[in-house]
Amino acid sequence: MVAKVIEVHDLRKAYGPVKAVDGVSFHVRKGEVFTLLGPNGAGKTTTIEILEGLKKPDSGRIIIMGQECETVGPLQKDRMGVLLQDTRFISRLRVIEVLEVFSSFFSRTLPVETILERVSLTEKTRAYVEELSGGQRQRLSIGLALLNDPDIIFLDEPTTGLDPQARRNIWELIGSLREDGKSVFLTTHYMEEAEYLSDYVYIMDRGQIITHGTPRELIDQLGQDNIIEFAKATLSDVQVQQLKAQFEQISEKNGRWLVYTKDILVALPVLLDWAKGSNVVLENLALRQPNLEDVFLSMTGRGLRD
C-alpha cells in the first residue's frame, strides 16, 4: 500500500458566519500529483494555507508524514516545499545569490548547484533575476521550494501567465518530481494542466469536497461519450427551454453551448432541426469527447474563474 504523506479529516475553518472550510477530508499519497480544484471562493486557498501552517484550523485532524498535529509547525514545514502564487525577488540579486540566501533559512539543504541543474538554470547562475524570462523566474521559484529536499511540494498555480513552451517546461519538471517519489500538491486554473498532470483530483465548492477521483474516473462519471459544442452569445428563454426539452444535459460557458449525448448520430440531427425551427445559427459547431473542465462545469455549474 502506498504511504499517505498528508491526511486531513473533517477540517473546518470559519470567518464569522462564513464556513470557508466545512468538514473537508482527503489524503495525499507518496509519489503522486494531487490536485485540488475549485472556483474562486470554494475554500481551497484556506485549506492550503492551513496545511502550509499559515492559518490555524477551527477543528479537524491533520496528519503529516504519519504524525498528527493540531497545527502545522516547524517540524512539519521542514519536510515541505512551498511555491506561492506570487514570488517577488530583489531584481539586482543574481540567481545564485537568491538560492544562497534562501539556503541559510534551512537547517539542511541540497547543494545550490544541484538545484540549478534540477530546474535547468545552470547557464543562468550569474544572471540577475531581472534578466530572467517569466518561465525562468518561475523555475527559480520552484528551485527555492526544492532547496530543503522536501517530501511534499505545494505548487499554487505554478504556470499562471506563462507562455505555452514555458508551461510545458514546468510540466516536465513536475513530472520528474513525481518520478523521484516526491508528493506534489497542485492547484491550477488550467484544466488541461490538471488533466495532464494529476494522479488524483478533488473538486471543492462552497467549503466542501463535492467529488474526487482520477481524471479518467471523473470524466467517466459524466456518463456521456460525446459533446456537441456551438457558439451563440445569447439564446432567448424560449429557445433555451426548447433545447432543454430535446436533451437531458446542456450547459453554457462564455457564450458557448454544450450538448452532452451518448449517441451523436441521433443527437446531431435533433440539434440541427431545433436550430432551423428556432432560427438559430450554430456558429463554430464542434464535436468532441468530454474533458475535466466538463466535469467541473457539471459539478459546480460555474468555471474556475467565476
C-alpha atoms as a PDB file:
ATOM      1  CA  MET A   1       0.000   0.000   0.000  1.00  0.00           C
ATOM      2  CA  VAL A   2       1.307   3.458  -0.923  1.00  0.00           C
ATOM      3  CA  ALA A   3       2.068   5.597   2.126  1.00  0.00           C
ATOM      4  CA  LYS A   4      -0.068   8.640   2.863  1.00  0.00           C
ATOM      5  CA  VAL A   5       2.033  11.780   3.350  1.00  0.00           C
ATOM      6  CA  ILE A   6      -0.940  14.011   4.212  1.00  0.00           C
ATOM      7  CA  GLU A   7      -4.232  13.025   5.834  1.00  0.00           C
ATOM      8  CA  VAL A   8      -6.985  15.524   6.556  1.00  0.00           C
ATOM      9  CA  HIS A   9     -10.118  14.569   8.471  1.00  0.00           C
ATOM     10  CA  ASP A  10     -13.169  16.822   8.937  1.00  0.00           C
ATOM     11  CA  LEU A  11     -11.175  20.041   8.595  1.00  0.00           C
ATOM     12  CA  ARG A  12     -13.117  23.205   9.428  1.00  0.00           C
ATOM     13  CA  LYS A  13     -12.420  26.934   9.320  1.00  0.00           C
ATOM     14  CA  ALA A  14     -14.971  29.747   9.565  1.00  0.00           C
ATOM     15  CA  TYR A  15     -14.765  33.508   9.335  1.00  0.00           C
ATOM     16  CA  GLY A  16     -17.767  34.676  11.308  1.00  0.00           C
ATOM     17  CA  PRO A  17     -20.841  33.168   9.645  1.00  0.00           C
ATOM     18  CA  VAL A  18     -18.894  32.139   6.530  1.00  0.00           C
ATOM     19  CA  LYS A  19     -17.790  28.498   6.541  1.00  0.00           C
ATOM     20  CA  ALA A  20     -14.685  28.690   4.343  1.00  0.00           C
ATOM     21  CA  VAL A  21     -13.782  25.038   5.007  1.00  0.00           C
ATOM     22  CA  ASP A  22     -16.729  22.929   6.061  1.00  0.00           C
ATOM     23  CA  GLY A  23     -15.793  19.359   7.018  1.00  0.00           C
ATOM     24  CA  VAL A  24     -13.149  18.611   4.371  1.00  0.00           C
ATOM     25  CA  SER A  25     -11.415  15.212   4.308  1.00  0.00           C
ATOM     26  CA  PHE A  26      -8.806  13.848   1.872  1.00  0.00           C
ATOM     27  CA  HIS A  27      -5.374  12.254   1.715  1.00  0.00           C
ATOM     28  CA  VAL A  28      -2.271  12.666  -0.428  1.00  0.00           C
ATOM     29  CA  ARG A  29      -0.159   9.635  -1.272  1.00  0.00           C
ATOM     30  CA  LYS A  30       3.602   9.450  -1.659  1.00  0.00           C
ATOM     31  CA  GLY A  31       4.839   9.978  -5.211  1.00  0.00           C
ATOM     32  CA  GLU A  32       1.605  11.357  -6.688  1.00  0.00           C
ATOM     33  CA  VAL A  33       0.432  14.659  -8.095  1.00  0.00           C
ATOM     34  CA  PHE A  34      -2.625  15.550  -6.024  1.00  0.00           C
ATOM     35  CA  THR A  35      -4.733  18.400  -7.422  1.00  0.00           C
ATOM     36  CA  LEU A  36      -7.297  20.478  -5.546  1.00  0.00           C
ATOM     37  CA  LEU A  37      -9.680  22.325  -7.877  1.00  0.00           C
ATOM     38  CA  GLY A  38     -12.390  24.815  -7.092  1.00  0.00           C
ATOM     39  CA  PRO A  39     -13.926  28.072  -8.293  1.00  0.00           C
ATOM     40  CA  ASN A  40     -12.990  31.311  -6.574  1.00  0.00           C
ATOM     41  CA  GLY A  41     -14.411  31.299  -3.056  1.00  0.00           C
ATOM     42  CA  ALA A  42     -14.531  27.496  -2.850  1.00  0.00           C
ATOM     43  CA  GLY A  43     -12.252  27.361   0.209  1.00  0.00           C
ATOM     44  CA  LYS A  44      -9.210  25.758  -1.390  1.00  0.00           C
ATOM     45  CA  THR A  45      -6.859  28.655  -0.571  1.00  0.00           C
ATOM     46  CA  THR A  46      -7.816  28.482   3.116  1.00  0.00           C
ATOM     47  CA  THR A  47      -7.332  24.703   3.063  1.00  0.00           C
ATOM     48  CA  ILE A  48      -3.860  25.039   1.555  1.00  0.00           C
ATOM     49  CA  GLU A  49      -2.843  27.820   3.947  1.00  0.00           C
ATOM     50  CA  ILE A  50      -3.814  25.604   6.885  1.00  0.00           C
ATOM     51  CA  LEU A  51      -1.662  22.764   5.515  1.00  0.00           C
ATOM     52  CA  GLU A  52       1.237  25.159   4.935  1.00  0.00           C
ATOM     53  CA  GLY A  53       0.996  26.363   8.528  1.00  0.00           C
ATOM     54  CA  LEU A  54      -0.116  29.879   7.606  1.00  0.00           C
ATOM     55  CA  LYS A  55      -3.517  29.562   9.294  1.00  0.00           C
ATOM     56  CA  LYS A  56      -4.898  27.629  12.225  1.00  0.00           C
ATOM     57  CA  PRO A  57      -7.975  25.432  11.699  1.00  0.00           C
ATOM     58  CA  ASP A  58     -11.006  25.654  13.965  1.00  0.00           C
ATOM     59  CA  SER A  59     -11.174  21.863  14.197  1.00  0.00           C
ATOM     60  CA  GLY A  60     -10.267  18.653  12.411  1.00  0.00           C
ATOM     61  CA  ARG A  61      -7.357  16.231  12.282  1.00  0.00           C
ATOM     62  CA  ILE A  62      -4.181  16.821  10.256  1.00  0.00           C
ATOM     63  CA  ILE A  63      -1.583  14.056   9.874  1.00  0.00           C
ATOM     64  CA  ILE A  64       1.693  14.931   8.119  1.00  0.00           C
ATOM     65  CA  MET A  65       4.128  12.104   7.324  1.00  0.00           C
ATOM     66  CA  GLY A  66       2.361   9.875   9.851  1.00  0.00           C
ATOM     67  CA  GLN A  67       2.468  12.422  12.710  1.00  0.00           C
ATOM     68  CA  GLU A  68      -0.736  14.083  13.894  1.00  0.00           C
ATOM     69  CA  CYS A  69      -0.556  17.806  14.648  1.00  0.00           C
ATOM     70  CA  GLU A  70      -3.074  20.408  15.794  1.00  0.00           C
ATOM     71  CA  THR A  71      -1.404  22.976  13.568  1.00  0.00           C
ATOM     72  CA  VAL A  72       1.376  22.640  11.028  1.00  0.00           C
ATOM     73  CA  GLY A  73       4.573  23.852  12.704  1.00  0.00           C
ATOM     74  CA  PRO A  74       8.349  23.975  12.091  1.00  0.00           C
ATOM     75  CA  LEU A  75       8.762  20.195  12.353  1.00  0.00           C
ATOM     76  CA  GLN A  76       6.269  19.589   9.527  1.00  0.00           C
ATOM     77  CA  LYS A  77       7.409  22.581   7.471  1.00  0.00           C
ATOM     78  CA  ASP A  78      10.913  21.146   7.404  1.00  0.00           C
ATOM     79  CA  ARG A  79       9.544  18.360   5.172  1.00  0.00           C
ATOM     80  CA  MET A  80       7.687  20.755   2.869  1.00  0.00           C
ATOM     81  CA  GLY A  81       8.465  22.992  -0.054  1.00  0.00           C
ATOM     82  CA  VAL A  82       6.092  25.804  -0.999  1.00  0.00           C
ATOM     83  CA  LEU A  83       5.599  27.772  -4.206  1.00  0.00           C
ATOM     84  CA  LEU A  84       3.279  30.709  -3.574  1.00  0.00           C
ATOM     85  CA  GLN A  85       1.134  32.263  -6.313  1.00  0.00           C
ATOM     86  CA  ASP A  86       3.375  35.321  -6.478  1.00  0.00           C
ATOM     87  CA  THR A  87       7.059  35.263  -5.550  1.00  0.00           C
ATOM     88  CA  ARG A  88       8.852  38.624  -5.503  1.00  0.00           C
ATOM     89  CA  PHE A  89      12.629  38.808  -5.918  1.00  0.00           C
ATOM     90  CA  ILE A  90      15.135  41.608  -5.398  1.00  0.00           C
ATOM     91  CA  SER A  91      15.913  42.367  -9.028  1.00  0.00           C
ATOM     92  CA  ARG A  92      19.623  43.157  -8.560  1.00  0.00           C
ATOM     93  CA  LEU A  93      20.420  39.827  -6.954  1.00  0.00           C
ATOM     94  CA  ARG A  94      21.962  37.118  -9.095  1.00  0.00           C
ATOM     95  CA  VAL A  95      20.292  33.715  -9.376  1.00  0.00           C
ATOM     96  CA  ILE A  96      22.960  32.004  -7.283  1.00  0.00           C
ATOM     97  CA  GLU A  97      22.712  34.732  -4.639  1.00  0.00           C
ATOM     98  CA  VAL A  98      18.949  34.208  -4.297  1.00  0.00           C
ATOM     99  CA  LEU A  99      19.469  30.489  -3.760  1.00  0.00           C
ATOM    100  CA  GLU A 100      22.289  31.050  -1.261  1.00  0.00           C
ATOM    101  CA  VAL A 101      20.190  33.499   0.773  1.00  0.00           C
ATOM    102  CA  PHE A 102      17.252  31.077   0.964  1.00  0.00           C
ATOM    103  CA  SER A 103      19.588  28.183   1.786  1.00  0.00           C
ATOM    104  CA  SER A 104      20.525  29.998   5.004  1.00  0.00           C
ATOM    105  CA  PHE A 105      16.910  29.681   6.194  1.00  0.00           C
ATOM    106  CA  PHE A 106      17.038  25.865   6.495  1.00  0.00           C
ATOM    107  CA  SER A 107      18.913  23.507   8.780  1.00  0.00           C
ATOM    108  CA  ARG A 108      19.659  21.209   5.832  1.00  0.00           C
ATOM    109  CA  THR A 109      19.690  21.961   2.110  1.00  0.00           C
ATOM    110  CA  LEU A 110      20.717  20.423  -1.163  1.00  0.00           C
ATOM    111  CA  PRO A 111      23.747  21.924  -2.907  1.00  0.00           C
ATOM    112  CA  VAL A 112      22.845  25.052  -4.864  1.00  0.00           C
ATOM    113  CA  GLU A 113      24.439  23.526  -7.964  1.00  0.00           C
ATOM    114  CA  THR A 114      22.077  20.551  -7.699  1.00  0.00           C
ATOM    115  CA  ILE A 115      19.049  22.857  -7.592  1.00  0.00           C
ATOM    116  CA  LEU A 116      20.292  24.886 -10.565  1.00  0.00           C
ATOM    117  CA  GLU A 117      20.659  21.714 -12.601  1.00  0.00           C
ATOM    118  CA  ARG A 118      17.278  20.395 -11.467  1.00  0.00           C
ATOM    119  CA  VAL A 119      15.411  23.491 -12.652  1.00  0.00           C
ATOM    120  CA  SER A 120      17.585  23.938 -15.781  1.00  0.00           C
ATOM    121  CA  LEU A 121      19.132  27.249 -14.726  1.00  0.00           C
ATOM    122  CA  THR A 122      22.816  26.296 -14.634  1.00  0.00           C
ATOM    123  CA  GLU A 123      23.552  28.648 -17.541  1.00  0.00           C
ATOM    124  CA  LYS A 124      21.849  31.484 -15.632  1.00  0.00           C
ATOM    125  CA  THR A 125      23.850  31.087 -12.417  1.00  0.00           C
ATOM    126  CA  ARG A 126      25.386  34.576 -12.609  1.00  0.00           C
ATOM    127  CA  ALA A 127      22.414  36.290 -14.275  1.00  0.00           C
ATOM    128  CA  TYR A 128      20.445  38.939 -12.427  1.00  0.00           C
ATOM    129  CA  VAL A 129      16.876  37.985 -11.583  1.00  0.00           C
ATOM    130  CA  GLU A 130      15.565  40.914 -13.613  1.00  0.00           C
ATOM    131  CA  GLU A 131      17.191  39.395 -16.713  1.00  0.00           C
ATOM    132  CA  LEU A 132      15.225  36.142 -16.456  1.00  0.00           C
ATOM    133  CA  SER A 133      12.192  35.360 -18.581  1.00  0.00           C
ATOM    134  CA  GLY A 134       8.859  34.623 -16.891  1.00  0.00           C
ATOM    135  CA  GLY A 135       9.392  30.889 -17.248  1.00  0.00           C
ATOM    136  CA  GLN A 136      12.938  31.059 -15.889  1.00  0.00           C
ATOM    137  CA  ARG A 137      11.772  33.131 -12.925  1.00  0.00           C
ATOM    138  CA  GLN A 138       9.111  30.552 -12.149  1.00  0.00           C
ATOM    139  CA  ARG A 139      11.652  27.727 -12.357  1.00  0.00           C
ATOM    140  CA  LEU A 140      13.791  29.668  -9.882  1.00  0.00           C
ATOM    141  CA  SER A 141      10.773  29.901  -7.565  1.00  0.00           C
ATOM    142  CA  ILE A 142      10.317  26.137  -7.773  1.00  0.00           C
ATOM    143  CA  GLY A 143      14.032  25.730  -7.119  1.00  0.00           C
ATOM    144  CA  LEU A 144      13.598  27.636  -3.847  1.00  0.00           C
ATOM    145  CA  ALA A 145      10.800  25.222  -2.905  1.00  0.00           C
ATOM    146  CA  LEU A 146      13.173  22.300  -3.512  1.00  0.00           C
ATOM    147  CA  LEU A 147      16.146  23.609  -1.525  1.00  0.00           C
ATOM    148  CA  ASN A 148      15.386  21.619   1.627  1.00  0.00           C
ATOM    149  CA  ASP A 149      14.794  18.394  -0.364  1.00  0.00           C
ATOM    150  CA  PRO A 150      11.126  18.258   0.730  1.00  0.00           C
ATOM    151  CA  ASP A 151       8.895  15.192   0.677  1.00  0.00           C
ATOM    152  CA  ILE A 152       5.801  17.315  -0.038  1.00  0.00           C
ATOM    153  CA  ILE A 153       5.811  20.221  -2.501  1.00  0.00           C
ATOM    154  CA  PHE A 154       2.924  22.713  -2.651  1.00  0.00           C
ATOM    155  CA  LEU A 155       2.653  24.334  -6.074  1.00  0.00           C
ATOM    156  CA  ASP A 156      -0.009  27.050  -6.110  1.00  0.00           C
ATOM    157  CA  GLU A 157      -0.860  27.860  -9.741  1.00  0.00           C
ATOM    158  CA  PRO A 158       2.718  27.283 -10.950  1.00  0.00           C
ATOM    159  CA  THR A 159       2.144  28.162 -14.626  1.00  0.00           C
ATOM    160  CA  THR A 160      -0.162  31.188 -14.449  1.00  0.00           C
ATOM    161  CA  GLY A 161       0.860  33.816 -17.001  1.00  0.00           C
ATOM    162  CA  LEU A 162       3.467  31.652 -18.726  1.00  0.00           C
ATOM    163  CA  ASP A 163       3.657  31.059 -22.477  1.00  0.00           C
ATOM    164  CA  PRO A 164       2.884  27.532 -23.768  1.00  0.00           C
ATOM    165  CA  GLN A 165       6.539  26.449 -24.011  1.00  0.00           C
ATOM    166  CA  ALA A 166       7.384  27.690 -20.519  1.00  0.00           C
ATOM    167  CA  ARG A 167       4.281  25.935 -19.208  1.00  0.00           C
ATOM    168  CA  ARG A 168       5.381  22.669 -20.789  1.00  0.00           C
ATOM    169  CA  ASN A 169       8.812  23.038 -19.185  1.00  0.00           C
ATOM    170  CA  ILE A 170       7.155  23.328 -15.771  1.00  0.00           C
ATOM    171  CA  TRP A 171       5.028  20.272 -16.555  1.00  0.00           C
ATOM    172  CA  GLU A 172       8.162  18.262 -17.310  1.00  0.00           C
ATOM    173  CA  LEU A 173       9.718  19.426 -14.039  1.00  0.00           C
ATOM    174  CA  ILE A 174       6.626  18.396 -12.065  1.00  0.00           C
ATOM    175  CA  GLY A 175       6.669  15.010 -13.801  1.00  0.00           C
ATOM    176  CA  SER A 176      10.306  14.497 -12.798  1.00  0.00           C
ATOM    177  CA  LEU A 177       9.484  15.314  -9.168  1.00  0.00           C
ATOM    178  CA  ARG A 178       6.823  12.611  -9.188  1.00  0.00           C
ATOM    179  CA  GLU A 179       9.289  10.133 -10.694  1.00  0.00           C
ATOM    180  CA  ASP A 180      11.641  10.880  -7.800  1.00  0.00           C
ATOM    181  CA  GLY A 181       8.940   9.902  -5.318  1.00  0.00           C
ATOM    182  CA  LYS A 182       8.006  13.438  -4.289  1.00  0.00           C
ATOM    183  CA  SER A 183       4.376  14.252  -3.483  1.00  0.00           C
ATOM    184  CA  VAL A 184       3.100  17.320  -5.323  1.00  0.00           C
ATOM    185  CA  PHE A 185       0.063  19.234  -4.028  1.00  0.00           C
ATOM    186  CA  LEU A 186      -1.107  21.242  -7.036  1.00  0.00           C
ATOM    187  CA  THR A 187      -3.664  23.960  -7.607  1.00  0.00           C
ATOM    188  CA  THR A 188      -4.283  25.355 -11.063  1.00  0.00           C
ATOM    189  CA  HIS A 189      -6.751  27.335 -13.138  1.00  0.00           C
ATOM    190  CA  TYR A 190      -5.794  25.438 -16.300  1.00  0.00           C
ATOM    191  CA  MET A 191      -7.991  22.404 -16.671  1.00  0.00           C
ATOM    192  CA  GLU A 192      -5.820  20.793 -19.346  1.00  0.00           C
ATOM    193  CA  GLU A 193      -2.915  21.094 -16.901  1.00  0.00           C
ATOM    194  CA  ALA A 194      -4.862  19.324 -14.161  1.00  0.00           C
ATOM    195  CA  GLU A 195      -5.959  16.597 -16.566  1.00  0.00           C
ATOM    196  CA  TYR A 196      -2.420  16.065 -17.894  1.00  0.00           C
ATOM    197  CA  LEU A 197      -0.508  16.107 -14.598  1.00  0.00           C
ATOM    198  CA  SER A 198      -2.857  14.789 -11.920  1.00  0.00           C
ATOM    199  CA  ASP A 199      -2.867  11.304 -10.477  1.00  0.00           C
ATOM    200  CA  TYR A 200      -5.840  12.228  -8.307  1.00  0.00           C
ATOM    201  CA  VAL A 201      -8.208  15.197  -8.232  1.00  0.00           C
ATOM    202  CA  TYR A 202     -10.510  16.599  -5.549  1.00  0.00           C
ATOM    203  CA  ILE A 203     -13.063  19.242  -6.556  1.00  0.00           C
ATOM    204  CA  MET A 204     -14.118  21.667  -3.833  1.00  0.00           C
ATOM    205  CA  ASP A 205     -17.024  24.098  -3.805  1.00  0.00           C
ATOM    206  CA  ARG A 206     -18.558  26.228  -1.068  1.00  0.00           C
ATOM    207  CA  GLY A 207     -16.219  24.810   1.553  1.00  0.00           C
ATOM    208  CA  GLN A 208     -16.868  21.147   0.828  1.00  0.00           C
ATOM    209  CA  ILE A 209     -15.444  18.361  -1.319  1.00  0.00           C
ATOM    210  CA  ILE A 210     -18.085  17.571  -3.927  1.00  0.00           C
ATOM    211  CA  THR A 211     -16.339  14.813  -5.886  1.00  0.00           C
ATOM    212  CA  HIS A 212     -12.965  13.134  -6.292  1.00  0.00           C
ATOM    213  CA  GLY A 213     -11.199  10.538  -8.397  1.00  0.00           C
ATOM    214  CA  THR A 214      -8.614  10.134 -11.113  1.00  0.00           C
ATOM    215  CA  PRO A 215      -9.155  12.419 -14.128  1.00  0.00           C
ATOM    216  CA  ARG A 216     -10.401   9.425 -16.126  1.00  0.00           C
ATOM    217  CA  GLU A 217     -12.797   8.321 -13.380  1.00  0.00           C
ATOM    218  CA  LEU A 218     -14.249  11.828 -13.071  1.00  0.00           C
ATOM    219  CA  ILE A 219     -14.734  12.130 -16.820  1.00  0.00           C
ATOM    220  CA  ASP A 220     -16.410   8.711 -16.947  1.00  0.00           C
ATOM    221  CA  GLN A 221     -18.802   9.839 -14.184  1.00  0.00           C
ATOM    222  CA  LEU A 222     -20.454  12.187 -16.663  1.00  0.00           C
ATOM    223  CA  GLY A 223     -21.951   9.142 -18.320  1.00  0.00           C
ATOM    224  CA  GLN A 224     -21.722  10.807 -21.718  1.00  0.00           C
ATOM    225  CA  ASP A 225     -19.467   9.788 -24.562  1.00  0.00           C
ATOM    226  CA  ASN A 226     -19.677  12.899 -26.727  1.00  0.00           C
ATOM    227  CA  ILE A 227     -20.254  16.642 -26.636  1.00  0.00           C
ATOM    228  CA  ILE A 228     -21.702  18.835 -29.370  1.00  0.00           C
ATOM    229  CA  GLU A 229     -20.495  22.385 -28.879  1.00  0.00           C
ATOM    230  CA  PHE A 230     -21.523  25.589 -30.620  1.00  0.00           C
ATOM    231  CA  ALA A 231     -21.151  29.330 -30.114  1.00  0.00           C
ATOM    232  CA  LYS A 232     -24.102  31.616 -29.517  1.00  0.00           C
ATOM    233  CA  ALA A 233     -23.751  34.600 -27.226  1.00  0.00           C
ATOM    234  CA  THR A 234     -27.404  34.737 -26.269  1.00  0.00           C
ATOM    235  CA  LEU A 235     -30.430  32.492 -26.564  1.00  0.00           C
ATOM    236  CA  SER A 236     -33.910  33.523 -25.542  1.00  0.00           C
ATOM    237  CA  ASP A 237     -35.575  31.815 -22.586  1.00  0.00           C
ATOM    238  CA  VAL A 238     -37.937  30.078 -25.003  1.00  0.00           C
ATOM    239  CA  GLN A 239     -35.054  28.807 -27.132  1.00  0.00           C
ATOM    240  CA  VAL A 240     -33.246  27.500 -24.052  1.00  0.00           C
ATOM    241  CA  GLN A 241     -36.357  25.705 -22.826  1.00  0.00           C
ATOM    242  CA  GLN A 242     -36.858  24.146 -26.258  1.00  0.00           C
ATOM    243  CA  LEU A 243     -33.247  22.968 -26.262  1.00  0.00           C
ATOM    244  CA  LYS A 244     -33.603  21.502 -22.769  1.00  0.00           C
ATOM    245  CA  ALA A 245     -36.720  19.674 -23.881  1.00  0.00           C
ATOM    246  CA  GLN A 246     -34.651  17.848 -26.504  1.00  0.00           C
ATOM    247  CA  PHE A 247     -31.604  16.926 -24.424  1.00  0.00           C
ATOM    248  CA  GLU A 248     -31.126  15.674 -20.866  1.00  0.00           C
ATOM    249  CA  GLN A 249     -27.978  17.681 -20.206  1.00  0.00           C
ATOM    250  CA  ILE A 250     -26.805  21.010 -21.593  1.00  0.00           C
ATOM    251  CA  SER A 251     -24.591  23.771 -20.195  1.00  0.00           C
ATOM    252  CA  GLU A 252     -23.313  27.190 -21.193  1.00  0.00           C
ATOM    253  CA  LYS A 253     -19.972  28.919 -20.608  1.00  0.00           C
ATOM    254  CA  ASN A 254     -18.756  32.194 -22.074  1.00  0.00           C
ATOM    255  CA  GLY A 255     -21.202  32.150 -24.941  1.00  0.00           C
ATOM    256  CA  ARG A 256     -20.569  28.510 -25.904  1.00  0.00           C
ATOM    257  CA  TRP A 257     -23.293  25.912 -25.503  1.00  0.00           C
ATOM    258  CA  LEU A 258     -22.536  22.265 -24.761  1.00  0.00           C
ATOM    259  CA  VAL A 259     -24.908  19.412 -25.510  1.00  0.00           C
ATOM    260  CA  TYR A 260     -23.990  16.079 -23.883  1.00  0.00           C
ATOM    261  CA  THR A 261     -25.047  12.886 -25.625  1.00  0.00           C
ATOM    262  CA  LYS A 262     -24.265   9.181 -25.834  1.00  0.00           C
ATOM    263  CA  ASP A 263     -25.413   8.813 -29.456  1.00  0.00           C
ATOM    264  CA  ILE A 264     -24.120  11.629 -31.606  1.00  0.00           C
ATOM    265  CA  LEU A 265     -25.760  10.252 -34.778  1.00  0.00           C
ATOM    266  CA  VAL A 266     -29.159  10.690 -33.142  1.00  0.00           C
ATOM    267  CA  ALA A 267     -28.426  13.928 -31.299  1.00  0.00           C
ATOM    268  CA  LEU A 268     -26.899  15.930 -34.148  1.00  0.00           C
ATOM    269  CA  PRO A 269     -29.969  15.822 -36.444  1.00  0.00           C
ATOM    270  CA  VAL A 270     -32.178  16.748 -33.481  1.00  0.00           C
ATOM    271  CA  LEU A 271     -29.964  19.746 -32.733  1.00  0.00           C
ATOM    272  CA  LEU A 272     -29.975  20.843 -36.366  1.00  0.00           C
ATOM    273  CA  ASP A 273     -33.773  20.591 -36.532  1.00  0.00           C
ATOM    274  CA  TRP A 274     -34.054  22.673 -33.339  1.00  0.00           C
ATOM    275  CA  ALA A 275     -31.698  25.296 -34.764  1.00  0.00           C
ATOM    276  CA  LYS A 276     -33.644  25.515 -38.000  1.00  0.00           C
ATOM    277  CA  GLY A 277     -37.009  25.711 -36.234  1.00  0.00           C
ATOM    278  CA  SER A 278     -35.730  28.310 -33.739  1.00  0.00           C
ATOM    279  CA  ASN A 279     -33.868  30.362 -36.347  1.00  0.00           C
ATOM    280  CA  VAL A 280     -30.572  29.868 -34.504  1.00  0.00           C
ATOM    281  CA  VAL A 281     -27.250  29.865 -36.365  1.00  0.00           C
ATOM    282  CA  LEU A 282     -24.900  27.247 -34.881  1.00  0.00           C
ATOM    283  CA  GLU A 283     -21.571  29.049 -35.053  1.00  0.00           C
ATOM    284  CA  ASN A 284     -18.267  27.150 -34.741  1.00  0.00           C
ATOM    285  CA  LEU A 285     -20.020  23.795 -34.405  1.00  0.00           C
ATOM    286  CA  ALA A 286     -17.668  21.161 -32.993  1.00  0.00           C
ATOM    287  CA  LEU A 287     -17.855  17.544 -31.851  1.00  0.00           C
ATOM    288  CA  ARG A 288     -15.557  16.289 -29.085  1.00  0.00           C
ATOM    289  CA  GLN A 289     -15.238  13.971 -26.109  1.00  0.00           C
ATOM    290  CA  PRO A 290     -15.702  15.208 -22.508  1.00  0.00           C
ATOM    291  CA  ASN A 291     -12.741  16.525 -20.529  1.00  0.00           C
ATOM    292  CA  LEU A 292     -12.075  17.561 -16.936  1.00  0.00           C
ATOM    293  CA  GLU A 293     -13.467  21.049 -17.496  1.00  0.00           C
ATOM    294  CA  ASP A 294     -16.814  19.495 -18.473  1.00  0.00           C
ATOM    295  CA  VAL A 295     -16.790  17.582 -15.186  1.00  0.00           C
ATOM    296  CA  PHE A 296     -16.069  20.796 -13.321  1.00  0.00           C
ATOM    297  CA  LEU A 297     -18.895  22.692 -15.019  1.00  0.00           C
ATOM    298  CA  SER A 298     -21.274  19.821 -14.464  1.00  0.00           C
ATOM    299  CA  MET A 299     -20.462  19.596 -10.749  1.00  0.00           C
ATOM    300  CA  THR A 300     -20.232  23.302  -9.847  1.00  0.00           C
ATOM    301  CA  GLY A 301     -22.276  24.993 -12.546  1.00  0.00           C
ATOM    302  CA  ARG A 302     -19.517  27.562 -12.954  1.00  0.00           C
ATOM    303  CA  GLY A 303     -15.985  27.930 -14.278  1.00  0.00           C
ATOM    304  CA  LEU A 304     -12.803  28.043 -12.256  1.00  0.00           C
ATOM    305  CA  ARG A 305     -12.569  31.831 -12.570  1.00  0.00           C
ATOM    306  CA  ASP A 306     -16.253  32.613 -11.969  1.00  0.00           C
END
